Amino acid sequence: MVFFKLTSKKGQVSMEIGILVAAAVAVAAIAAYSYAKNAKAASVDWSSELSETHNQIELIQNNSINWSSINSS
């Protein structure tokens, strides 16, 4: 008797499952968009960091060459 009260013969369970599936698809779409947006931003930031690191290494190398030429004189 309790079982008949928990289920509906009018398709309510079907509708609820459909709503849950639609919500899961919406969450997956939002997560995919967020991931793609952050991945693109990370690649742009990485290239600028790499350029800055390269410039710092060149500066250190030039300073060490200048220092060694001063000390050898």
PDB file of N, CA and C in Angstrom:
ATOM      1  N   MET A   1       0.807  -1.176   0.000  1.00  0.00           N
ATOM      2  CA  MET A   1       0.000   0.000   0.000  1.00  0.00           C
ATOM      3  C   MET A   1       0.868   1.266   0.000  1.00  0.00           C
ATOM      4  N   VAL A   2       1.948   1.288   0.747  1.00  0.00           N
ATOM      5  CA  VAL A   2       2.852   2.437   0.780  1.00  0.00           C
ATOM      6  C   VAL A   2       3.527   2.611  -0.578  1.00  0.00           C
ATOM      7  N   PHE A   3       3.819   1.506  -1.250  1.00  0.00           N
ATOM      8  CA  PHE A   3       4.498   1.564  -2.541  1.00  0.00           C
ATOM      9  C   PHE A   3       3.664   2.325  -3.573  1.00  0.00           C
ATOM     10  N   PHE A   4       2.377   2.153  -3.541  1.00  0.00           N
ATOM     11  CA  PHE A   4       1.522   2.828  -4.509  1.00  0.00           C
ATOM     12  C   PHE A   4       1.460   4.328  -4.260  1.00  0.00           C
ATOM     13  N   LYS A   5       1.639   4.738  -3.026  1.00  0.00           N
ATOM     14  CA  LYS A   5       1.621   6.163  -2.720  1.00  0.00           C
ATOM     15  C   LYS A   5       2.935   6.846  -3.132  1.00  0.00           C
ATOM     16  N   LEU A   6       4.049   6.095  -3.188  1.00  0.00           N
ATOM     17  CA  LEU A   6       5.342   6.684  -3.533  1.00  0.00           C
ATOM     18  C   LEU A   6       5.516   6.867  -5.032  1.00  0.00           C
ATOM     19  N   THR A   7       4.863   6.076  -5.825  1.00  0.00           N
ATOM     20  CA  THR A   7       5.009   6.189  -7.278  1.00  0.00           C
ATOM     21  C   THR A   7       3.766   6.826  -7.871  1.00  0.00           C
ATOM     22  N   SER A   8       3.945   7.443  -9.005  1.00  0.00           N
ATOM     23  CA  SER A   8       2.833   8.087  -9.675  1.00  0.00           C
ATOM     24  C   SER A   8       2.577   7.395 -10.998  1.00  0.00           C
ATOM     25  N   LYS A   9       1.348   7.291 -11.372  1.00  0.00           N
ATOM     26  CA  LYS A   9       1.001   6.671 -12.649  1.00  0.00           C
ATOM     27  C   LYS A   9       0.885   7.725 -13.745  1.00  0.00           C
ATOM     28  N   LYS A  10       1.169   8.959 -13.453  1.00  0.00           N
ATOM     29  CA  LYS A  10       0.989  10.037 -14.417  1.00  0.00           C
ATOM     30  C   LYS A  10       2.306  10.493 -15.051  1.00  0.00           C
ATOM     31  N   GLY A  11       3.385   9.801 -14.817  1.00  0.00           N
ATOM     32  CA  GLY A  11       4.660  10.153 -15.439  1.00  0.00           C
ATOM     33  C   GLY A  11       5.488  11.129 -14.639  1.00  0.00           C
ATOM     34  N   GLN A  12       5.183  11.306 -13.380  1.00  0.00           N
ATOM     35  CA  GLN A  12       5.940  12.257 -12.566  1.00  0.00           C
ATOM     36  C   GLN A  12       7.385  11.799 -12.385  1.00  0.00           C
ATOM     37  N   VAL A  13       7.605  10.500 -12.196  1.00  0.00           N
ATOM     38  CA  VAL A  13       8.958   9.975 -12.023  1.00  0.00           C
ATOM     39  C   VAL A  13       9.764  10.213 -13.290  1.00  0.00           C
ATOM     40  N   SER A  14       9.130  10.010 -14.432  1.00  0.00           N
ATOM     41  CA  SER A  14       9.802  10.243 -15.703  1.00  0.00           C
ATOM     42  C   SER A  14      10.217  11.711 -15.828  1.00  0.00           C
ATOM     43  N   MET A  15       9.334  12.600 -15.452  1.00  0.00           N
ATOM     44  CA  MET A  15       9.639  14.021 -15.536  1.00  0.00           C
ATOM     45  C   MET A  15      10.781  14.387 -14.584  1.00  0.00           C
ATOM     46  N   GLU A  16      10.784  13.838 -13.391  1.00  0.00           N
ATOM     47  CA  GLU A  16      11.843  14.139 -12.433  1.00  0.00           C
ATOM     48  C   GLU A  16      13.191  13.637 -12.925  1.00  0.00           C
ATOM     49  N   ILE A  17      13.214  12.459 -13.517  1.00  0.00           N
ATOM     50  CA  ILE A  17      14.466  11.936 -14.081  1.00  0.00           C
ATOM     51  C   ILE A  17      14.935  12.823 -15.226  1.00  0.00           C
ATOM     52  N   GLY A  18      14.010  13.280 -16.042  1.00  0.00           N
ATOM     53  CA  GLY A  18      14.358  14.184 -17.136  1.00  0.00           C
ATOM     54  C   GLY A  18      14.945  15.490 -16.638  1.00  0.00           C
ATOM     55  N   ILE A  19      14.385  16.030 -15.572  1.00  0.00           N
ATOM     56  CA  ILE A  19      14.905  17.271 -14.988  1.00  0.00           C
ATOM     57  C   ILE A  19      16.300  17.046 -14.416  1.00  0.00           C
ATOM     58  N   LEU A  20      16.508  15.916 -13.753  1.00  0.00           N
ATOM     59  CA  LEU A  20      17.838  15.615 -13.212  1.00  0.00           C
ATOM     60  C   LEU A  20      18.871  15.477 -14.320  1.00  0.00           C
ATOM     61  N   VAL A  21      18.499  14.813 -15.414  1.00  0.00           N
ATOM     62  CA  VAL A  21      19.428  14.660 -16.544  1.00  0.00           C
ATOM     63  C   VAL A  21      19.732  16.024 -17.161  1.00  0.00           C
ATOM     64  N   ALA A  22      18.714  16.860 -17.324  1.00  0.00           N
ATOM     65  CA  ALA A  22      18.926  18.198 -17.883  1.00  0.00           C
ATOM     66  C   ALA A  22      19.838  19.030 -16.981  1.00  0.00           C
ATOM     67  N   ALA A  23      19.663  18.916 -15.676  1.00  0.00           N
ATOM     68  CA  ALA A  23      20.523  19.651 -14.745  1.00  0.00           C
ATOM     69  C   ALA A  23      21.960  19.152 -14.830  1.00  0.00           C
ATOM     70  N   ALA A  24      22.136  17.839 -14.960  1.00  0.00           N
ATOM     71  CA  ALA A  24      23.491  17.285 -15.075  1.00  0.00           C
ATOM     72  C   ALA A  24      24.160  17.758 -16.358  1.00  0.00           C
ATOM     73  N   VAL A  25      23.419  17.823 -17.449  1.00  0.00           N
ATOM     74  CA  VAL A  25      23.972  18.306 -18.717  1.00  0.00           C
ATOM     75  C   VAL A  25      24.344  19.782 -18.602  1.00  0.00           C
ATOM     76  N   ALA A  26      23.514  20.572 -17.943  1.00  0.00           N
ATOM     77  CA  ALA A  26      23.813  21.996 -17.772  1.00  0.00           C
ATOM     78  C   ALA A  26      25.071  22.195 -16.938  1.00  0.00           C
ATOM     79  N   VAL A  27      25.212  21.442 -15.868  1.00  0.00           N
ATOM     80  CA  VAL A  27      26.411  21.551 -15.024  1.00  0.00           C
ATOM     81  C   VAL A  27      27.649  21.136 -15.807  1.00  0.00           C
ATOM     82  N   ALA A  28      27.549  20.077 -16.605  1.00  0.00           N
ATOM     83  CA  ALA A  28      28.691  19.632 -17.406  1.00  0.00           C
ATOM     84  C   ALA A  28      29.078  20.684 -18.440  1.00  0.00           C
ATOM     85  N   ALA A  29      28.101  21.338 -19.049  1.00  0.00           N
ATOM     86  CA  ALA A  29      28.396  22.376 -20.040  1.00  0.00           C
ATOM     87  C   ALA A  29      29.082  23.573 -19.387  1.00  0.00           C
ATOM     88  N   ILE A  30      28.616  23.973 -18.222  1.00  0.00           N
ATOM     89  CA  ILE A  30      29.235  25.101 -17.512  1.00  0.00           C
ATOM     90  C   ILE A  30      30.659  24.750 -17.089  1.00  0.00           C
ATOM     91  N   ALA A  31      30.867  23.531 -16.617  1.00  0.00           N
ATOM     92  CA  ALA A  31      32.210  23.108 -16.209  1.00  0.00           C
ATOM     93  C   ALA A  31      33.153  23.058 -17.404  1.00  0.00           C
ATOM     94  N   ALA A  32      32.681  22.580 -18.550  1.00  0.00           N
ATOM     95  CA  ALA A  32      33.523  22.521 -19.749  1.00  0.00           C
ATOM     96  C   ALA A  32      33.898  23.925 -20.215  1.00  0.00           C
ATOM     97  N   TYR A  33      32.951  24.853 -20.185  1.00  0.00           N
ATOM     98  CA  TYR A  33      33.235  26.228 -20.574  1.00  0.00           C
ATOM     99  C   TYR A  33      34.268  26.854 -19.641  1.00  0.00           C
ATOM    100  N   SER A  34      34.090  26.641 -18.360  1.00  0.00           N
ATOM    101  CA  SER A  34      35.025  27.194 -17.380  1.00  0.00           C
ATOM    102  C   SER A  34      36.423  26.614 -17.564  1.00  0.00           C
ATOM    103  N   TYR A  35      36.502  25.308 -17.800  1.00  0.00           N
ATOM    104  CA  TYR A  35      37.798  24.663 -18.012  1.00  0.00           C
ATOM    105  C   TYR A  35      38.481  25.213 -19.259  1.00  0.00           C
ATOM    106  N   ALA A  36      37.739  25.347 -20.352  1.00  0.00           N
ATOM    107  CA  ALA A  36      38.326  25.854 -21.595  1.00  0.00           C
ATOM    108  C   ALA A  36      38.788  27.298 -21.434  1.00  0.00           C
ATOM    109  N   LYS A  37      38.006  28.100 -20.750  1.00  0.00           N
ATOM    110  CA  LYS A  37      38.370  29.505 -20.536  1.00  0.00           C
ATOM    111  C   LYS A  37      39.640  29.615 -19.696  1.00  0.00           C
ATOM    112  N   ASN A  38      39.730  28.829 -18.623  1.00  0.00           N
ATOM    113  CA  ASN A  38      40.912  28.868 -17.764  1.00  0.00           C
ATOM    114  C   ASN A  38      42.136  28.287 -18.457  1.00  0.00           C
ATOM    115  N   ALA A  39      41.960  27.271 -19.288  1.00  0.00           N
ATOM    116  CA  ALA A  39      43.090  26.696 -20.013  1.00  0.00           C
ATOM    117  C   ALA A  39      43.662  27.705 -21.001  1.00  0.00           C
ATOM    118  N   LYS A  40      42.793  28.457 -21.662  1.00  0.00           N
ATOM    119  CA  LYS A  40      43.256  29.479 -22.601  1.00  0.00           C
ATOM    120  C   LYS A  40      44.002  30.590 -21.858  1.00  0.00           C
ATOM    121  N   ALA A  41      43.471  31.022 -20.740  1.00  0.00           N
ATOM    122  CA  ALA A  41      44.118  32.080 -19.956  1.00  0.00           C
ATOM    123  C   ALA A  41      45.464  31.613 -19.419  1.00  0.00           C
ATOM    124  N   ALA A  42      45.555  30.369 -19.032  1.00  0.00           N
ATOM    125  CA  ALA A  42      46.813  29.844 -18.494  1.00  0.00           C
ATOM    126  C   ALA A  42      47.885  29.785 -19.568  1.00  0.00           C
ATOM    127  N   SER A  43      47.515  29.451 -20.793  1.00  0.00           N
ATOM    128  CA  SER A  43      48.515  29.374 -21.853  1.00  0.00           C
ATOM    129  C   SER A  43      49.045  30.758 -22.200  1.00  0.00           C
ATOM    130  N   VAL A  44      48.206  31.765 -22.169  1.00  0.00           N
ATOM    131  CA  VAL A  44      48.649  33.132 -22.443  1.00  0.00           C
ATOM    132  C   VAL A  44      49.573  33.600 -21.327  1.00  0.00           C
ATOM    133  N   ASP A  45      49.208  33.365 -20.087  1.00  0.00           N
ATOM    134  CA  ASP A  45      50.042  33.776 -18.963  1.00  0.00           C
ATOM    135  C   ASP A  45      51.379  33.045 -18.965  1.00  0.00           C
ATOM    136  N   TRP A  46      51.396  31.789 -19.387  1.00  0.00           N
ATOM    137  CA  TRP A  46      52.622  31.003 -19.400  1.00  0.00           C
ATOM    138  C   TRP A  46      53.632  31.599 -20.378  1.00  0.00           C
ATOM    139  N   SER A  47      53.185  32.036 -21.546  1.00  0.00           N
ATOM    140  CA  SER A  47      54.118  32.583 -22.527  1.00  0.00           C
ATOM    141  C   SER A  47      54.742  33.884 -22.023  1.00  0.00           C
ATOM    142  N   SER A  48      53.976  34.713 -21.354  1.00  0.00           N
ATOM    143  CA  SER A  48      54.542  35.959 -20.831  1.00  0.00           C
ATOM    144  C   SER A  48      55.530  35.677 -19.698  1.00  0.00           C
ATOM    145  N   GLU A  49      55.225  34.681 -18.864  1.00  0.00           N
ATOM    146  CA  GLU A  49      56.154  34.303 -17.793  1.00  0.00           C
ATOM    147  C   GLU A  49      57.446  33.737 -18.368  1.00  0.00           C
ATOM    148  N   LEU A  50      57.340  32.957 -19.425  1.00  0.00           N
ATOM    149  CA  LEU A  50      58.521  32.377 -20.056  1.00  0.00           C
ATOM    150  C   LEU A  50      59.411  33.472 -20.637  1.00  0.00           C
ATOM    151  N   SER A  51      58.802  34.458 -21.260  1.00  0.00           N
ATOM    152  CA  SER A  51      59.563  35.571 -21.820  1.00  0.00           C
ATOM    153  C   SER A  51      60.274  36.355 -20.715  1.00  0.00           C
ATOM    154  N   GLU A  52      59.584  36.607 -19.619  1.00  0.00           N
ATOM    155  CA  GLU A  52      60.182  37.335 -18.494  1.00  0.00           C
ATOM    156  C   GLU A  52      61.337  36.551 -17.882  1.00  0.00           C
ATOM    157  N   THR A  53      61.169  35.238 -17.745  1.00  0.00           N
ATOM    158  CA  THR A  53      62.245  34.394 -17.203  1.00  0.00           C
ATOM    159  C   THR A  53      63.457  34.417 -18.120  1.00  0.00           C
ATOM    160  N   HIS A  54      63.216  34.351 -19.419  1.00  0.00           N
ATOM    161  CA  HIS A  54      64.319  34.390 -20.390  1.00  0.00           C
ATOM    162  C   HIS A  54      65.072  35.711 -20.288  1.00  0.00           C
ATOM    163  N   ASN A  55      64.350  36.809 -20.154  1.00  0.00           N
ATOM    164  CA  ASN A  55      64.997  38.118 -20.026  1.00  0.00           C
ATOM    165  C   ASN A  55      65.835  38.204 -18.750  1.00  0.00           C
ATOM    166  N   GLN A  56      65.342  37.654 -17.654  1.00  0.00           N
ATOM    167  CA  GLN A  56      66.093  37.673 -16.401  1.00  0.00           C
ATOM    168  C   GLN A  56      67.369  36.837 -16.503  1.00  0.00           C
ATOM    169  N   ILE A  57      67.285  35.689 -17.180  1.00  0.00           N
ATOM    170  CA  ILE A  57      68.476  34.841 -17.351  1.00  0.00           C
ATOM    171  C   ILE A  57      69.523  35.558 -18.193  1.00  0.00           C
ATOM    172  N   GLU A  58      69.091  36.229 -19.263  1.00  0.00           N
ATOM    173  CA  GLU A  58      70.040  36.987 -20.087  1.00  0.00           C
ATOM    174  C   GLU A  58      70.687  38.112 -19.284  1.00  0.00           C
ATOM    175  N   LEU A  59      69.916  38.774 -18.447  1.00  0.00           N
ATOM    176  CA  LEU A  59      70.451  39.857 -17.624  1.00  0.00           C
ATOM    177  C   LEU A  59      71.497  39.328 -16.648  1.00  0.00           C
ATOM    178  N   ILE A  60      71.219  38.205 -16.015  1.00  0.00           N
ATOM    179  CA  ILE A  60      72.184  37.597 -15.090  1.00  0.00           C
ATOM    180  C   ILE A  60      73.441  37.181 -15.836  1.00  0.00           C
ATOM    181  N   GLN A  61      73.273  36.611 -17.015  1.00  0.00           N
ATOM    182  CA  GLN A  61      74.427  36.168 -17.800  1.00  0.00           C
ATOM    183  C   GLN A  61      75.289  37.369 -18.207  1.00  0.00           C
ATOM    184  N   ASN A  62      74.665  38.433 -18.663  1.00  0.00           N
ATOM    185  CA  ASN A  62      75.423  39.622 -19.063  1.00  0.00           C
ATOM    186  C   ASN A  62      76.143  40.247 -17.869  1.00  0.00           C
ATOM    187  N   ASN A  63      75.498  40.279 -16.724  1.00  0.00           N
ATOM    188  CA  ASN A  63      76.135  40.845 -15.534  1.00  0.00           C
ATOM    189  C   ASN A  63      77.307  39.995 -15.074  1.00  0.00           C
ATOM    190  N   SER A  64      77.192  38.680 -15.171  1.00  0.00           N
ATOM    191  CA  SER A  64      78.302  37.830 -14.744  1.00  0.00           C
ATOM    192  C   SER A  64      79.476  37.945 -15.706  1.00  0.00           C
ATOM    193  N   ILE A  65      79.202  38.127 -16.994  1.00  0.00           N
ATOM    194  CA  ILE A  65      80.288  38.313 -17.962  1.00  0.00           C
ATOM    195  C   ILE A  65      80.995  39.635 -17.686  1.00  0.00           C
ATOM    196  N   ASN A  66      80.237  40.697 -17.432  1.00  0.00           N
ATOM    197  CA  ASN A  66      80.833  41.998 -17.133  1.00  0.00           C
ATOM    198  C   ASN A  66      81.646  41.942 -15.839  1.00  0.00           C
ATOM    199  N   TRP A  67      81.178  41.248 -14.834  1.00  0.00           N
ATOM    200  CA  TRP A  67      81.878  41.144 -13.559  1.00  0.00           C
ATOM    201  C   TRP A  67      83.181  40.374 -13.721  1.00  0.00           C
ATOM    202  N   SER A  68      83.157  39.304 -14.506  1.00  0.00           N
ATOM    203  CA  SER A  68      84.380  38.523 -14.690  1.00  0.00           C
ATOM    204  C   SER A  68      85.413  39.300 -15.499  1.00  0.00           C
ATOM    205  N   SER A  69      84.989  40.132 -16.436  1.00  0.00           N
ATOM    206  CA  SER A  69      85.956  40.928 -17.198  1.00  0.00           C
ATOM    207  C   SER A  69      86.563  42.027 -16.328  1.00  0.00           C
ATOM    208  N   ILE A  70      85.822  42.554 -15.374  1.00  0.00           N
ATOM    209  CA  ILE A  70      86.349  43.569 -14.459  1.00  0.00           C
ATOM    210  C   ILE A  70      87.375  42.940 -13.518  1.00  0.00           C
ATOM    211  N   ASN A  71      87.109  41.751 -13.021  1.00  0.00           N
ATOM    212  CA  ASN A  71      88.005  41.094 -12.075  1.00  0.00           C
ATOM    213  C   ASN A  71      89.272  40.563 -12.736  1.00  0.00           C
ATOM    214  N   SER A  72      89.232  40.272 -14.017  1.00  0.00           N
ATOM    215  CA  SER A  72      90.423  39.717 -14.666  1.00  0.00           C
ATOM    216  C   SER A  72      91.423  40.799 -15.049  1.00  0.00           C
ATOM    217  N   SER A  73      91.036  42.060 -15.024  1.00  0.00           N
ATOM    218  CA  SER A  73      91.939  43.143 -15.429  1.00  0.00           C
ATOM    219  C   SER A  73      92.960  43.454 -14.387  1.00  0.00           C
TER     220      SER A  73
END
